[in-house]
Amino acid sequence: MGDEAERRRLLTARRRLDPAVDDAAPGGAPGLISIPPPGNEPVVGVIDTQFSTNVYFRDWVEYHRLVDPAITLTEKDYQHGTEVTSIIVDGPAGNPGREDGCGRFRVRHFGVGYASPMSSFALMKMVRDIVRTNTDIRVWNISLGSREEIRDFFISPEGALLDALQAEFNVIFIVAGTNKPATGSDLPMKIGAPADSINAITVNATDLAGNPASYTRTGPVLHYFTKPDVACFGGDGLRPETKVQICSGQGARFVSGTSYAAPWITRKIAYMIHVLGFSRETAKALLIDSAEGWVPENSRNTAELGHGVVPAHIGSIISCEPSEIRFVIQGKVLNYRTFRHDLPVPRDKFNRFNWNMRATLCYFPPCLREQGVDYTLTELGLRFGRIMENGEIEQPSSLGNAGEKISEKTARRSDGKWNNTKVIKKIISKGLKNYRDLYGFGVISNNRLKPLRENALPFSIVVTLRNRDGQNRIADFMQMYQANGWFVEQVDHVSLENMSRIASEELEFS
């Protein structure tokens, strides 16, 4: 009886996701999933295996087969790519428990491979040509990866290529963290290329409880760079309810893997960039800040989860609790030091700063593979905190305090030196003394090969303050900033989404 009930549940799920399934088949009342025709929704790029047009969302996908026409493809060659694209287009349709509030996306799908292993050199050439000839696409998903482990002292050629393309074309890649072989051992295994791309967002998978999946591979990269960046539900276990439901040319399937975790992050990044209009630096900083949460430092398995597990819904990424204040500082580094000392923060009735604080800095540094472990060429150190009596910002820089000598090993391991993501977190047990009524932030730049970059380097800092008394102080915060000459604008993602939809409508003139 249990097997029959499960068969009916799977058939019902398949019927929802595959219009080719016969409605008269046993297993429940007919009811095909409905999807409207595509409009001017944002376009996301997918580089994967081939795409099957025998799916309900085929009109949402622009498919380009890039393998030799002389090669005969099998049904299996279309499976993985179609499954990944199904999540990006309409993932919540088959996974209502994973509703993310991001809507639907159109996909430009490039079929570069097939189920069997392919030449890394050929893949790199195709990826380079694809990105260079599709400059309108800003968010790319790659759920392909090497079975081999990354090397200790060099970035892979594939990872370096993604970094070069991101620097040249102002795009962002979301990359699957790769999986352990099904027959592999229980010993740790490093991630595989191109998941070692420093500037890309590398995504590992978790189970339903947020624990690293059984097939998880680990970072860091070049000993010090945090990889993966974040983790997301990718399914684990034997039961269908512990996996991700996707749509392929053969109907619905329940799957697990980092390949099916990365597309959920791709949807979030695409929403923030295309719908809300954020820069890639801000979108990445918001994503990582949401994953960090208020978990104390050194209490997370960074090698497997990176900065943490990303919330399922986009609202939890771009919004905050009533007792919290979240704001974004954007800028470009032109000089060695970029400082502001005039950030007013509300104080309590005892004139203290009664806030827990978290600040996340993201930037996309230029990279050079020939430098080995000195791969990133620009370092941005972050300071954020109270202005002290001497006029300095209290938070030590990731480059160390002025005049202080620290070892390179300490600077890298403890302060994240040369890492392109910095997180400062301060959780207090009592209110902090007020010295000059203000907070401040500073960004200190350092370059390996040149004293200054030829072009300014954009950065974004996401700051989250949590009131220890649970009070809502956002009105006070905005009033204080406006009084100090700052332009303050609240992010209303519902209004921005409506504006984006209206702006993308096509007008017909009679």
Protein backbone atom coordinates (compact mmCIF):
# COMPACT_ATOMS: atom_id res chain seq x y z
CA MET A 1 0.00 0.00 0.00
CA GLY A 2 2.88 2.36 0.83
CA ASP A 3 4.55 1.75 -2.54
CA GLU A 4 1.29 2.46 -4.39
CA ALA A 5 0.76 5.73 -2.49
CA GLU A 6 4.30 6.80 -3.30
CA ARG A 7 3.81 5.89 -6.98
CA ARG A 8 0.70 8.04 -7.13
CA ARG A 9 2.45 10.97 -5.43
CA LEU A 10 5.32 10.84 -7.90
CA LEU A 11 2.92 10.58 -10.85
CA THR A 12 0.96 13.57 -9.59
CA ALA A 13 4.18 15.57 -9.27
CA ARG A 14 5.22 14.50 -12.74
CA ARG A 15 1.85 15.50 -14.15
CA ARG A 16 2.23 18.96 -12.60
CA LEU A 17 5.59 19.51 -14.26
CA ASP A 18 5.20 17.73 -17.59
CA PRO A 19 2.40 18.51 -20.03
CA ALA A 20 3.25 15.38 -21.97
CA VAL A 21 1.95 13.13 -19.18
CA ASP A 22 -1.43 11.63 -19.96
CA ASP A 23 -4.14 13.17 -17.78
CA ALA A 24 -6.05 9.90 -17.96
CA ALA A 25 -3.28 7.99 -16.25
CA PRO A 26 -4.13 6.70 -12.77
CA GLY A 27 -2.88 8.54 -9.74
CA GLY A 28 -5.11 11.54 -9.21
CA ALA A 29 -7.18 14.22 -10.87
CA PRO A 30 -5.71 15.87 -13.93
CA GLY A 31 -4.13 19.27 -13.48
CA LEU A 32 -1.25 20.53 -15.56
CA ILE A 33 0.93 23.26 -14.22
CA SER A 34 0.24 26.54 -15.97
CA ILE A 35 2.82 29.10 -16.92
CA PRO A 36 2.06 32.29 -18.82
CA PRO A 37 3.92 33.26 -21.97
CA PRO A 38 7.20 35.01 -21.26
CA GLY A 39 7.29 38.79 -21.34
CA ASN A 40 10.28 41.02 -20.67
CA GLU A 41 11.42 39.15 -17.57
CA PRO A 42 15.18 39.31 -16.85
CA VAL A 43 17.39 36.93 -18.82
CA VAL A 44 19.84 34.67 -17.01
CA GLY A 45 22.65 32.84 -18.79
CA VAL A 46 23.10 29.11 -18.25
CA ILE A 47 26.16 27.20 -19.46
CA ASP A 48 25.53 23.49 -19.09
CA THR A 49 24.68 20.30 -20.95
CA GLN A 50 21.90 20.37 -23.55
CA PHE A 51 18.31 21.53 -23.09
CA SER A 52 15.22 19.45 -23.89
CA THR A 53 12.34 21.30 -25.52
CA ASN A 54 9.87 18.66 -24.28
CA VAL A 55 9.04 20.67 -21.14
CA TYR A 56 6.22 22.98 -20.15
CA PHE A 57 8.48 26.06 -19.84
CA ARG A 58 10.21 25.69 -23.22
CA ASP A 59 8.96 29.10 -24.42
CA TRP A 60 10.93 30.72 -21.59
CA VAL A 61 14.25 29.32 -22.82
CA GLU A 62 16.38 30.41 -25.76
CA TYR A 63 18.46 27.31 -26.48
CA HIS A 64 21.79 27.23 -28.33
CA ARG A 65 23.43 23.87 -29.04
CA LEU A 66 27.19 24.44 -29.23
CA VAL A 67 28.49 20.90 -29.59
CA ASP A 68 29.52 19.49 -32.95
CA PRO A 69 26.37 18.72 -35.02
CA ALA A 70 28.03 15.49 -36.09
CA ILE A 71 27.87 14.18 -32.52
CA THR A 72 24.80 12.08 -31.81
CA LEU A 73 23.27 13.08 -28.50
CA THR A 74 21.34 10.75 -26.23
CA GLU A 75 18.47 11.49 -23.87
CA LYS A 76 20.91 11.60 -20.98
CA ASP A 77 22.84 14.46 -22.58
CA TYR A 78 19.79 16.70 -22.19
CA GLN A 79 18.99 15.78 -18.60
CA HIS A 80 21.28 17.83 -16.37
CA GLY A 81 21.06 21.10 -18.28
CA THR A 82 17.25 20.95 -18.50
CA GLU A 83 16.98 20.25 -14.78
CA VAL A 84 19.18 23.19 -13.80
CA THR A 85 17.30 25.57 -16.10
CA SER A 86 13.94 24.38 -14.73
CA ILE A 87 14.90 25.72 -11.30
CA ILE A 88 16.02 29.10 -12.63
CA VAL A 89 12.87 29.57 -14.73
CA ASP A 90 10.23 28.27 -12.34
CA GLY A 91 11.81 26.44 -9.40
CA PRO A 92 9.13 27.16 -6.76
CA ALA A 93 6.44 25.56 -8.98
CA GLY A 94 7.74 22.10 -8.09
CA ASN A 95 9.07 23.09 -4.68
CA PRO A 96 6.39 25.17 -2.93
CA GLY A 97 8.30 24.84 0.34
CA ARG A 98 11.21 26.66 -1.34
CA GLU A 99 9.23 29.69 -2.51
CA ASP A 100 11.77 32.51 -2.74
CA GLY A 101 9.66 35.44 -3.91
CA CYS A 102 11.85 36.04 -6.96
CA GLY A 103 9.26 35.23 -9.63
CA ARG A 104 10.27 33.70 -12.97
CA PHE A 105 13.25 34.28 -15.23
CA ARG A 106 13.91 33.75 -18.89
CA VAL A 107 17.02 31.72 -19.67
CA ARG A 108 19.49 31.82 -22.51
CA HIS A 109 20.77 28.27 -22.38
CA PHE A 110 24.06 27.28 -24.00
CA GLY A 111 24.54 23.54 -24.39
CA VAL A 112 28.30 23.13 -24.25
CA GLY A 113 28.61 19.55 -23.08
CA TYR A 114 27.09 16.15 -22.62
CA ALA A 115 26.76 13.54 -19.91
CA SER A 116 30.23 12.06 -20.48
CA PRO A 117 33.43 13.98 -19.57
CA MET A 118 34.58 16.59 -22.05
CA SER A 119 37.75 18.53 -22.84
CA SER A 120 38.48 21.31 -20.36
CA PHE A 121 40.24 23.31 -23.08
CA ALA A 122 37.21 23.11 -25.39
CA LEU A 123 34.89 24.12 -22.55
CA MET A 124 37.02 27.15 -21.66
CA LYS A 125 37.07 28.34 -25.26
CA MET A 126 33.28 28.05 -25.53
CA VAL A 127 32.69 29.86 -22.22
CA ARG A 128 34.95 32.72 -23.31
CA ASP A 129 33.19 33.07 -26.66
CA ILE A 130 29.71 32.84 -25.07
CA VAL A 131 30.29 35.62 -22.57
CA ARG A 132 31.99 37.88 -25.10
CA THR A 133 29.11 37.58 -27.57
CA ASN A 134 26.30 37.91 -25.01
CA THR A 135 27.23 41.07 -23.15
CA ASP A 136 23.60 41.84 -22.29
CA ILE A 137 23.63 38.97 -19.77
CA ARG A 138 24.97 39.95 -16.36
CA VAL A 139 24.24 36.83 -14.27
CA TRP A 140 25.56 33.42 -15.32
CA ASN A 141 24.96 29.97 -13.82
CA ILE A 142 27.53 27.18 -14.24
CA SER A 143 26.66 23.90 -12.56
CA LEU A 144 29.47 21.98 -14.21
CA GLY A 145 32.65 21.00 -12.41
CA SER A 146 35.73 18.86 -12.39
CA ARG A 147 35.94 15.55 -10.58
CA GLU A 148 39.55 16.33 -9.72
CA GLU A 149 40.52 18.38 -6.67
CA ILE A 150 41.93 21.88 -6.98
CA ARG A 151 45.65 22.40 -6.46
CA ASP A 152 47.12 23.94 -3.33
CA PHE A 153 49.17 26.76 -4.84
CA PHE A 154 47.47 27.69 -8.12
CA ILE A 155 44.01 28.69 -9.26
CA SER A 156 42.72 26.36 -11.97
CA PRO A 157 42.73 27.66 -15.56
CA GLU A 158 38.92 27.39 -15.55
CA GLY A 159 38.58 29.42 -12.35
CA ALA A 160 41.04 32.03 -13.63
CA LEU A 161 39.05 32.34 -16.85
CA LEU A 162 35.85 33.12 -14.94
CA ASP A 163 37.69 35.76 -12.90
CA ALA A 164 39.07 37.35 -16.06
CA LEU A 165 35.63 37.43 -17.70
CA GLN A 166 34.05 38.94 -14.58
CA ALA A 167 36.66 41.69 -14.56
CA GLU A 168 36.29 42.45 -18.27
CA PHE A 169 32.52 42.32 -18.67
CA ASN A 170 31.16 43.32 -15.23
CA VAL A 171 29.26 40.04 -14.89
CA ILE A 172 28.93 37.58 -12.02
CA PHE A 173 29.08 33.79 -12.11
CA ILE A 174 27.26 31.50 -9.70
CA VAL A 175 29.09 28.19 -9.64
CA ALA A 176 28.22 24.81 -8.12
CA GLY A 177 30.66 23.64 -5.46
CA THR A 178 31.00 20.19 -7.12
CA ASN A 179 30.12 16.84 -5.52
CA LYS A 180 32.02 13.89 -4.17
CA PRO A 181 31.84 10.81 -6.42
CA ALA A 182 28.94 8.53 -5.55
CA THR A 183 31.38 5.73 -4.76
CA GLY A 184 33.90 7.96 -3.01
CA SER A 185 35.26 7.63 0.51
CA ASP A 186 34.17 9.53 3.59
CA LEU A 187 37.46 11.46 3.64
CA PRO A 188 37.32 15.22 2.91
CA MET A 189 37.69 16.13 -0.75
CA LYS A 190 38.53 19.59 -2.07
CA ILE A 191 36.22 21.36 -4.49
CA GLY A 192 36.87 21.05 -8.22
CA ALA A 193 37.35 23.66 -10.94
CA PRO A 194 35.85 26.15 -11.75
CA ALA A 195 34.47 26.42 -8.19
CA ASP A 196 37.81 27.98 -7.16
CA SER A 197 37.02 31.19 -9.05
CA ILE A 198 37.68 33.83 -6.39
CA ASN A 199 35.18 36.42 -7.63
CA ALA A 200 32.39 33.99 -8.48
CA ILE A 201 29.83 32.92 -5.88
CA THR A 202 30.55 29.26 -5.17
CA VAL A 203 27.59 27.38 -3.69
CA ASN A 204 27.66 24.20 -1.63
CA ALA A 205 24.59 22.14 -0.72
CA THR A 206 22.85 21.34 2.56
CA ASP A 207 20.16 18.97 3.72
CA LEU A 208 16.76 20.10 5.02
CA ALA A 209 18.22 20.89 8.45
CA GLY A 210 20.93 23.14 7.00
CA ASN A 211 23.75 20.65 7.58
CA PRO A 212 26.40 20.04 4.91
CA ALA A 213 25.17 17.43 2.42
CA SER A 214 26.84 14.03 2.45
CA TYR A 215 28.47 14.72 -0.94
CA THR A 216 29.95 18.08 0.11
CA ARG A 217 33.47 18.97 -0.99
CA THR A 218 35.52 21.53 0.88
CA GLY A 219 37.60 24.70 0.65
CA PRO A 220 39.47 26.89 1.25
CA VAL A 221 41.23 27.96 -1.95
CA LEU A 222 44.95 28.81 -1.91
CA HIS A 223 44.85 28.01 1.82
CA TYR A 224 43.20 31.32 2.81
CA PHE A 225 40.38 32.28 0.43
CA THR A 226 36.94 31.35 1.72
CA LYS A 227 35.29 28.84 -0.60
CA PRO A 228 32.51 27.95 -0.87
CA ASP A 229 31.03 31.41 -0.41
CA VAL A 230 27.62 30.24 0.82
CA ALA A 231 25.45 27.14 1.06
CA CYS A 232 21.88 26.45 0.05
CA PHE A 233 19.46 23.52 0.17
CA GLY A 234 20.46 21.05 -2.52
CA GLY A 235 18.84 17.87 -1.27
CA ASP A 236 20.24 14.87 0.56
CA GLY A 237 18.92 11.51 1.62
CA LEU A 238 16.86 8.75 0.02
CA ARG A 239 13.31 10.08 0.45
CA PRO A 240 11.80 12.37 -2.21
CA GLU A 241 10.83 14.99 0.37
CA THR A 242 14.51 15.42 1.26
CA LYS A 243 15.45 16.28 -2.33
CA VAL A 244 14.86 19.02 -4.89
CA GLN A 245 12.10 18.47 -7.44
CA ILE A 246 13.07 19.43 -10.98
CA CYS A 247 11.61 19.08 -14.46
CA SER A 248 13.40 17.29 -17.28
CA GLY A 249 12.31 16.03 -20.68
CA GLN A 250 11.08 12.88 -18.97
CA GLY A 251 8.95 14.70 -16.39
CA ALA A 252 9.52 15.43 -12.72
CA ARG A 253 12.42 13.93 -10.79
CA PHE A 254 13.73 14.26 -7.27
CA VAL A 255 17.44 15.04 -7.24
CA SER A 256 20.24 16.24 -5.01
CA GLY A 257 23.57 17.94 -5.62
CA THR A 258 25.34 21.28 -5.66
CA SER A 259 24.13 21.60 -9.26
CA TYR A 260 20.62 22.06 -7.85
CA ALA A 261 21.68 24.38 -5.01
CA ALA A 262 23.45 26.93 -7.21
CA PRO A 263 20.37 27.85 -9.35
CA TRP A 264 18.47 28.99 -6.24
CA ILE A 265 21.28 31.46 -5.51
CA THR A 266 21.34 32.48 -9.17
CA ARG A 267 17.67 33.42 -8.91
CA LYS A 268 18.34 35.62 -5.87
CA ILE A 269 21.32 37.40 -7.43
CA ALA A 270 19.40 37.94 -10.69
CA TYR A 271 16.46 39.39 -8.75
CA MET A 272 18.65 41.84 -6.84
CA ILE A 273 20.56 42.95 -9.94
CA HIS A 274 17.80 43.03 -12.57
CA VAL A 275 14.66 43.78 -10.55
CA LEU A 276 16.00 45.88 -7.67
CA GLY A 277 18.80 47.47 -9.66
CA PHE A 278 21.63 46.67 -7.23
CA SER A 279 25.23 46.41 -8.36
CA ARG A 280 26.86 42.98 -8.34
CA GLU A 281 28.97 44.11 -5.36
CA THR A 282 25.87 45.04 -3.36
CA ALA A 283 23.97 41.90 -4.37
CA LYS A 284 26.85 39.67 -3.29
CA ALA A 285 27.35 41.59 -0.04
CA LEU A 286 23.66 41.32 0.86
CA LEU A 287 23.70 37.59 0.10
CA ILE A 288 26.75 36.92 2.27
CA ASP A 289 25.54 39.21 5.04
CA SER A 290 22.27 37.28 5.23
CA ALA A 291 24.16 33.99 5.41
CA GLU A 292 26.47 35.23 8.15
CA GLY A 293 23.62 36.14 10.51
CA TRP A 294 24.51 36.60 14.15
CA VAL A 295 26.34 33.31 14.57
CA PRO A 296 29.54 33.96 16.55
CA GLU A 297 32.76 33.82 14.60
CA ASN A 298 34.63 30.49 14.45
CA SER A 299 31.45 28.55 15.30
CA ARG A 300 30.65 27.46 11.71
CA ASN A 301 32.17 24.88 9.39
CA THR A 302 33.55 27.41 6.92
CA ALA A 303 35.28 24.77 4.79
CA GLU A 304 31.89 23.25 3.88
CA LEU A 305 29.38 26.09 4.39
CA GLY A 306 31.47 29.18 3.69
CA HIS A 307 29.79 32.23 5.24
CA GLY A 308 26.69 30.18 6.04
CA VAL A 309 23.32 29.05 4.73
CA VAL A 310 21.38 31.62 2.70
CA PRO A 311 17.72 32.18 3.72
CA ALA A 312 15.22 30.67 1.31
CA HIS A 313 13.16 33.83 0.73
CA ILE A 314 14.54 36.98 -0.88
CA GLY A 315 12.74 39.08 1.73
CA SER A 316 15.06 37.75 4.43
CA ILE A 317 18.05 38.92 2.38
CA ILE A 318 17.01 42.45 1.48
CA SER A 319 14.91 43.20 4.58
CA CYS A 320 15.64 43.04 8.28
CA GLU A 321 13.85 42.63 11.60
CA PRO A 322 12.07 45.63 13.21
CA SER A 323 14.81 45.78 15.83
CA GLU A 324 17.49 45.95 13.14
CA ILE A 325 18.79 48.67 10.84
CA ARG A 326 20.44 47.67 7.57
CA PHE A 327 22.03 50.08 5.16
CA VAL A 328 24.38 49.94 2.18
CA ILE A 329 27.44 52.07 1.52
CA GLN A 330 28.68 52.04 -2.07
CA GLY A 331 31.76 53.70 -3.46
CA LYS A 332 34.89 53.44 -5.57
CA VAL A 333 38.43 53.30 -4.30
CA LEU A 334 40.72 55.86 -5.92
CA ASN A 335 43.15 56.52 -3.09
CA TYR A 336 45.00 54.58 -0.44
CA ARG A 337 42.50 55.61 2.26
CA THR A 338 38.75 56.18 1.87
CA PHE A 339 37.18 57.28 5.16
CA ARG A 340 33.93 58.81 6.46
CA HIS A 341 33.60 59.75 10.14
CA ASP A 342 30.06 61.10 10.17
CA LEU A 343 27.72 58.13 10.51
CA PRO A 344 25.18 58.94 13.24
CA VAL A 345 23.77 55.95 15.15
CA PRO A 346 20.88 56.30 17.68
CA ARG A 347 21.89 56.02 21.33
CA ASP A 348 19.94 54.72 24.30
CA LYS A 349 18.71 56.78 27.26
CA PHE A 350 22.10 56.36 28.95
CA ASN A 351 23.85 57.90 25.89
CA ARG A 352 25.38 54.51 24.99
CA PHE A 353 25.53 52.64 21.71
CA ASN A 354 23.38 49.61 22.45
CA TRP A 355 23.79 47.75 19.17
CA ASN A 356 25.24 44.50 17.93
CA MET A 357 27.02 45.23 14.66
CA ARG A 358 27.85 43.37 11.46
CA ALA A 359 29.55 44.84 8.39
CA THR A 360 30.19 42.96 5.14
CA LEU A 361 32.49 44.28 2.41
CA CYS A 362 32.51 42.84 -1.13
CA TYR A 363 34.59 43.81 -4.13
CA PHE A 364 35.87 42.17 -7.32
CA PRO A 365 39.68 42.51 -7.41
CA PRO A 366 41.79 41.99 -10.53
CA CYS A 367 43.58 38.66 -10.51
CA LEU A 368 46.68 37.13 -12.07
CA ARG A 369 47.14 33.35 -12.10
CA GLU A 370 50.91 33.63 -12.64
CA GLN A 371 51.18 35.11 -9.13
CA GLY A 372 50.36 31.72 -7.56
CA VAL A 373 49.08 32.19 -3.99
CA ASP A 374 49.34 35.98 -4.47
CA TYR A 375 46.47 35.66 -6.95
CA THR A 376 44.41 38.77 -6.15
CA LEU A 377 46.18 42.01 -7.00
CA THR A 378 44.18 44.48 -4.90
CA GLU A 379 43.34 44.29 -1.21
CA LEU A 380 40.67 46.36 0.48
CA GLY A 381 40.81 46.42 4.26
CA LEU A 382 37.68 47.38 6.20
CA ARG A 383 37.16 49.40 9.34
CA PHE A 384 33.76 50.09 10.87
CA GLY A 385 32.86 51.18 14.40
CA ARG A 386 32.69 54.01 16.89
CA ILE A 387 34.80 57.13 16.53
CA MET A 388 37.18 57.05 19.49
CA GLU A 389 38.55 59.94 21.53
CA ASN A 390 41.58 60.25 19.25
CA GLY A 391 39.33 60.56 16.19
CA GLU A 392 40.16 57.10 14.86
CA ILE A 393 37.71 54.29 14.09
CA GLU A 394 37.79 51.64 16.82
CA GLN A 395 37.64 48.57 14.58
CA PRO A 396 41.13 47.40 13.62
CA SER A 397 41.77 47.24 9.89
CA SER A 398 42.29 43.89 8.21
CA LEU A 399 45.71 45.33 7.32
CA GLY A 400 46.51 45.97 10.97
CA ASN A 401 46.57 49.15 13.05
CA ALA A 402 48.90 51.95 12.14
CA GLY A 403 52.43 51.12 13.22
CA GLU A 404 51.51 47.57 14.24
CA LYS A 405 53.55 44.70 12.85
CA ILE A 406 51.75 41.43 12.26
CA SER A 407 52.79 38.37 10.30
CA GLU A 408 51.39 37.66 6.85
CA LYS A 409 49.99 34.37 8.14
CA THR A 410 48.08 36.13 10.93
CA ALA A 411 46.83 38.83 8.58
CA ARG A 412 45.50 36.25 6.14
CA ARG A 413 44.03 33.77 8.58
CA SER A 414 42.64 36.09 11.25
CA ASP A 415 41.88 39.29 9.33
CA GLY A 416 41.09 37.92 5.86
CA LYS A 417 43.87 39.87 4.16
CA TRP A 418 43.63 39.72 0.35
CA ASN A 419 40.23 38.03 0.59
CA ASN A 420 37.61 39.79 -1.55
CA THR A 421 34.97 39.45 1.17
CA LYS A 422 35.44 40.89 4.63
CA VAL A 423 33.05 40.48 7.55
CA ILE A 424 33.32 42.41 10.82
CA LYS A 425 31.01 41.24 13.59
CA LYS A 426 30.69 42.65 17.09
CA ILE A 427 28.23 41.11 19.57
CA ILE A 428 28.19 43.01 22.86
CA SER A 429 27.00 42.14 26.35
CA LYS A 430 26.30 45.73 27.42
CA GLY A 431 26.00 49.18 25.88
CA LEU A 432 29.17 50.73 24.47
CA LYS A 433 30.57 54.05 25.66
CA ASN A 434 29.87 57.03 23.40
CA TYR A 435 32.96 59.09 22.62
CA ARG A 436 32.06 61.42 19.73
CA ASP A 437 28.40 60.60 18.98
CA LEU A 438 29.30 59.03 15.63
CA TYR A 439 30.37 55.85 13.88
CA GLY A 440 32.71 55.77 10.91
CA PHE A 441 33.94 53.49 8.20
CA GLY A 442 37.20 53.22 6.33
CA VAL A 443 38.48 51.32 3.33
CA ILE A 444 42.23 50.96 2.95
CA SER A 445 43.59 49.78 -0.39
CA ASN A 446 46.80 47.95 -1.15
CA ASN A 447 48.08 46.83 -4.55
CA ARG A 448 50.71 44.25 -5.37
CA LEU A 449 52.01 45.44 -8.74
CA LYS A 450 50.96 49.10 -9.05
CA PRO A 451 50.52 51.85 -6.43
CA LEU A 452 47.02 52.62 -7.77
CA ARG A 453 44.64 50.97 -10.18
CA GLU A 454 44.16 52.59 -13.55
CA ASN A 455 40.41 52.48 -12.92
CA ALA A 456 38.53 52.97 -9.68
CA LEU A 457 37.56 49.74 -7.92
CA PRO A 458 33.87 49.59 -6.88
CA PHE A 459 32.96 48.21 -3.47
CA SER A 460 29.85 47.76 -1.34
CA ILE A 461 29.52 47.57 2.42
CA VAL A 462 26.34 46.18 3.98
CA VAL A 463 25.94 47.19 7.63
CA THR A 464 23.41 45.57 9.94
CA LEU A 465 22.78 46.95 13.44
CA ARG A 466 20.63 45.04 15.95
CA ASN A 467 19.20 46.86 18.94
CA ARG A 468 19.85 44.83 22.09
CA ASP A 469 16.62 46.08 23.68
CA GLY A 470 14.54 45.03 20.67
CA GLN A 471 13.48 48.60 19.88
CA ASN A 472 12.60 49.86 16.41
CA ARG A 473 14.84 52.92 15.83
CA ILE A 474 14.67 53.21 12.03
CA ALA A 475 12.79 56.56 12.14
CA ASP A 476 15.42 58.03 14.46
CA PHE A 477 18.16 56.65 12.24
CA MET A 478 16.79 58.23 9.07
CA GLN A 479 16.16 61.56 10.76
CA MET A 480 19.72 61.71 12.12
CA TYR A 481 21.25 60.91 8.72
CA GLN A 482 19.19 63.51 6.92
CA ALA A 483 20.15 66.09 9.54
CA ASN A 484 23.82 65.29 8.85
CA GLY A 485 23.45 65.89 5.11
CA TRP A 486 23.07 62.28 3.95
CA PHE A 487 20.57 61.32 1.28
CA VAL A 488 18.55 58.43 2.72
CA GLU A 489 16.17 56.30 0.68
CA GLN A 490 14.38 53.19 1.90
CA VAL A 491 14.40 50.11 -0.35
CA ASP A 492 10.82 49.03 -0.99
CA HIS A 493 11.31 45.83 -2.97
CA VAL A 494 7.59 45.49 -3.75
CA SER A 495 7.46 48.94 -5.33
CA LEU A 496 10.75 48.37 -7.15
CA GLU A 497 9.45 45.08 -8.52
CA ASN A 498 6.28 46.79 -9.78
CA MET A 499 8.33 49.58 -11.35
CA SER A 500 10.62 47.05 -13.04
CA ARG A 501 7.64 45.20 -14.46
CA ILE A 502 6.01 48.38 -15.76
CA ALA A 503 9.28 49.63 -17.24
CA SER A 504 9.77 46.35 -19.12
CA GLU A 505 6.31 46.34 -20.71
CA GLU A 506 6.20 46.71 -24.46
CA LEU A 507 3.99 49.48 -25.80
CA GLU A 508 2.14 49.17 -29.07
CA PHE A 509 1.23 52.39 -30.85
CA SER A 510 -1.75 52.28 -33.15
